[in-house]
N, C-alpha and C. Protein backbone atom coordinates (compact mmCIF):
# COMPACT_ATOMS: atom_id res chain seq x y z
N MET A 1 0.79 -1.14 0.21
CA MET A 1 -0.37 -0.28 -0.03
C MET A 1 1.18 1.25 0.32
N VAL A 2 0.03 2.23 -0.15
CA VAL A 2 0.70 3.53 -0.63
C VAL A 2 0.75 4.52 0.73
N VAL A 3 1.37 5.31 1.36
CA VAL A 3 0.94 6.09 2.97
C VAL A 3 1.18 7.27 2.22
N GLN A 4 0.44 8.53 2.27
CA GLN A 4 0.69 9.77 1.79
C GLN A 4 0.08 10.30 2.83
N ARG A 5 0.50 11.80 3.19
CA ARG A 5 0.25 12.74 3.74
C ARG A 5 -0.44 13.89 3.27
N PHE A 6 -1.51 14.24 3.24
CA PHE A 6 -2.22 15.60 2.25
C PHE A 6 -2.16 16.69 3.53
N GLY A 7 -1.50 17.64 4.23
CA GLY A 7 -1.97 18.64 5.11
C GLY A 7 -2.12 17.85 6.26
N ASP A 8 -3.68 17.84 6.65
CA ASP A 8 -4.20 17.75 7.52
C ASP A 8 -4.75 15.63 7.47
N VAL A 9 -4.30 15.60 6.08
CA VAL A 9 -4.92 13.76 6.27
C VAL A 9 -4.28 13.01 5.74
N VAL A 10 -4.02 11.89 6.56
CA VAL A 10 -3.12 10.70 5.92
C VAL A 10 -3.58 9.57 5.30
N GLN A 11 -3.31 9.53 4.46
CA GLN A 11 -3.99 8.61 3.27
C GLN A 11 -3.42 7.23 3.30
N TRP A 12 -4.03 6.06 3.51
CA TRP A 12 -3.48 5.11 2.84
C TRP A 12 -4.41 4.24 1.45
N SER A 13 -3.76 4.32 0.88
CA SER A 13 -4.69 3.46 -1.09
C SER A 13 -3.17 2.48 -1.42
N ASP A 14 -4.05 2.17 -2.93
CA ASP A 14 -3.07 1.62 -4.02
C ASP A 14 -2.53 -0.02 -3.40
N TRP A 15 -3.57 -0.67 -2.15
CA TRP A 15 -3.09 -1.82 -2.22
C TRP A 15 -2.61 -3.24 -2.66
N GLN A 16 -1.33 -3.69 -2.41
CA GLN A 16 -1.18 -4.97 -3.15
C GLN A 16 -1.79 -6.02 -2.68
N VAL A 17 -2.58 -6.88 -3.76
CA VAL A 17 -3.53 -7.96 -3.14
C VAL A 17 -3.17 -9.08 -3.64
N PRO A 18 -3.45 -10.27 -3.67
CA PRO A 18 -3.27 -11.66 -4.52
C PRO A 18 -4.09 -11.45 -5.59
N LYS A 19 -3.90 -11.83 -6.84
CA LYS A 19 -4.77 -12.36 -8.10
C LYS A 19 -6.04 -12.94 -7.24
N GLY A 20 -7.15 -11.86 -7.68
CA GLY A 20 -8.13 -12.47 -7.38
C GLY A 20 -9.14 -11.53 -6.72
N GLU A 21 -7.82 -11.12 -5.58
CA GLU A 21 -8.96 -10.69 -4.34
C GLU A 21 -8.83 -9.07 -4.60
N VAL A 22 -10.13 -8.41 -4.12
CA VAL A 22 -10.68 -7.35 -4.12
C VAL A 22 -9.82 -6.13 -2.74
N ALA A 23 -9.09 -5.05 -3.00
CA ALA A 23 -8.27 -4.40 -2.41
C ALA A 23 -9.01 -3.87 -2.01
N PRO A 24 -8.96 -3.51 -0.58
CA PRO A 24 -9.60 -2.84 0.60
C PRO A 24 -9.59 -1.11 -0.14
N PRO A 25 -10.86 -0.51 0.08
CA PRO A 25 -10.79 1.17 -0.04
C PRO A 25 -9.83 1.62 0.50
N GLU A 26 -9.66 2.98 0.30
CA GLU A 26 -8.77 4.09 0.60
C GLU A 26 -9.01 4.31 1.73
N PHE A 27 -8.23 4.54 2.88
CA PHE A 27 -8.58 5.07 3.99
C PHE A 27 -7.91 6.59 4.49
N HIS A 28 -8.40 6.71 5.61
CA HIS A 28 -8.23 8.50 5.76
C HIS A 28 -8.15 8.43 6.95
N PHE A 29 -7.11 9.44 7.93
CA PHE A 29 -7.04 9.71 8.75
C PHE A 29 -6.48 11.06 8.96
N GLU A 30 -7.17 11.71 10.31
CA GLU A 30 -6.80 12.78 10.82
C GLU A 30 -5.41 13.01 10.96
N ALA A 31 -4.29 13.51 10.35
CA ALA A 31 -2.95 13.39 10.72
C ALA A 31 -2.53 13.66 12.36
N GLY A 32 -2.83 14.57 12.65
CA GLY A 32 -2.37 14.78 14.46
C GLY A 32 -2.87 13.46 15.00
N ALA A 33 -4.02 12.78 15.02
CA ALA A 33 -4.35 11.73 15.60
C ALA A 33 -3.62 10.17 15.15
N TYR A 34 -2.92 10.39 13.38
CA TYR A 34 -2.06 9.33 13.70
C TYR A 34 -0.87 9.35 14.01
N ASP A 35 -0.59 10.82 14.08
CA ASP A 35 0.90 10.80 14.17
C ASP A 35 1.42 10.35 15.85
N ALA A 36 -0.14 10.45 16.71
CA ALA A 36 0.38 10.39 17.86
C ALA A 36 -0.04 8.82 18.33
N GLU A 37 -0.80 8.10 17.47
CA GLU A 37 -0.88 6.67 17.59
C GLU A 37 0.76 5.94 17.07
N LEU A 38 1.59 6.32 15.83
CA LEU A 38 2.75 6.02 15.77
C LEU A 38 3.73 6.65 16.73
N ALA A 39 3.62 7.56 17.24
CA ALA A 39 4.33 7.95 18.65
C ALA A 39 3.90 6.42 19.74
N ARG A 40 2.85 6.67 19.76
CA ARG A 40 2.09 5.58 21.16
C ARG A 40 2.89 4.05 20.81
N VAL A 41 2.65 3.46 19.45
CA VAL A 41 3.11 2.23 19.55
C VAL A 41 4.84 1.95 19.67
N GLY A 42 5.55 3.34 18.92
CA GLY A 42 6.29 3.07 18.98
C GLY A 42 7.18 3.44 20.30
N ALA A 43 6.33 3.83 21.30
CA ALA A 43 6.99 4.03 22.85
C ALA A 43 6.69 2.60 23.33
N ASP A 44 5.88 1.78 22.85
CA ASP A 44 4.85 0.56 23.68
C ASP A 44 6.00 -0.52 23.21
N ARG A 45 6.81 -1.31 24.05
CA ARG A 45 7.65 -2.05 24.14
C ARG A 45 7.51 -3.34 24.48
N TRP A 46 6.30 -3.65 24.78
CA TRP A 46 5.99 -4.84 26.00
C TRP A 46 6.46 -6.27 25.02
N TRP A 47 6.42 -6.21 23.79
CA TRP A 47 7.40 -7.24 23.33
C TRP A 47 8.69 -7.44 23.15
N SER A 48 9.44 -6.44 23.82
CA SER A 48 10.60 -6.58 23.46
C SER A 48 11.17 -7.54 24.71
N VAL A 49 12.20 -8.19 24.04
CA VAL A 49 12.67 -9.27 25.26
C VAL A 49 13.71 -8.26 25.79
N PRO A 50 14.18 -8.20 27.26
CA PRO A 50 15.43 -7.59 27.73
C PRO A 50 16.59 -7.58 27.30
N GLY A 51 17.49 -6.96 27.14
CA GLY A 51 18.97 -7.43 27.07
C GLY A 51 19.43 -8.24 26.17
């Protein structure tokens, strides 16, 4: 898929799917909320193995 930012909007589009499958529609997100979620998951290391 392609992720693009257009001002205050983040767009996911152009999904690559297996032959015969239907691609999802475009998704649009408010850029501030998208950035906040990326920061949240980037800081959440619950899965990380210590040392």
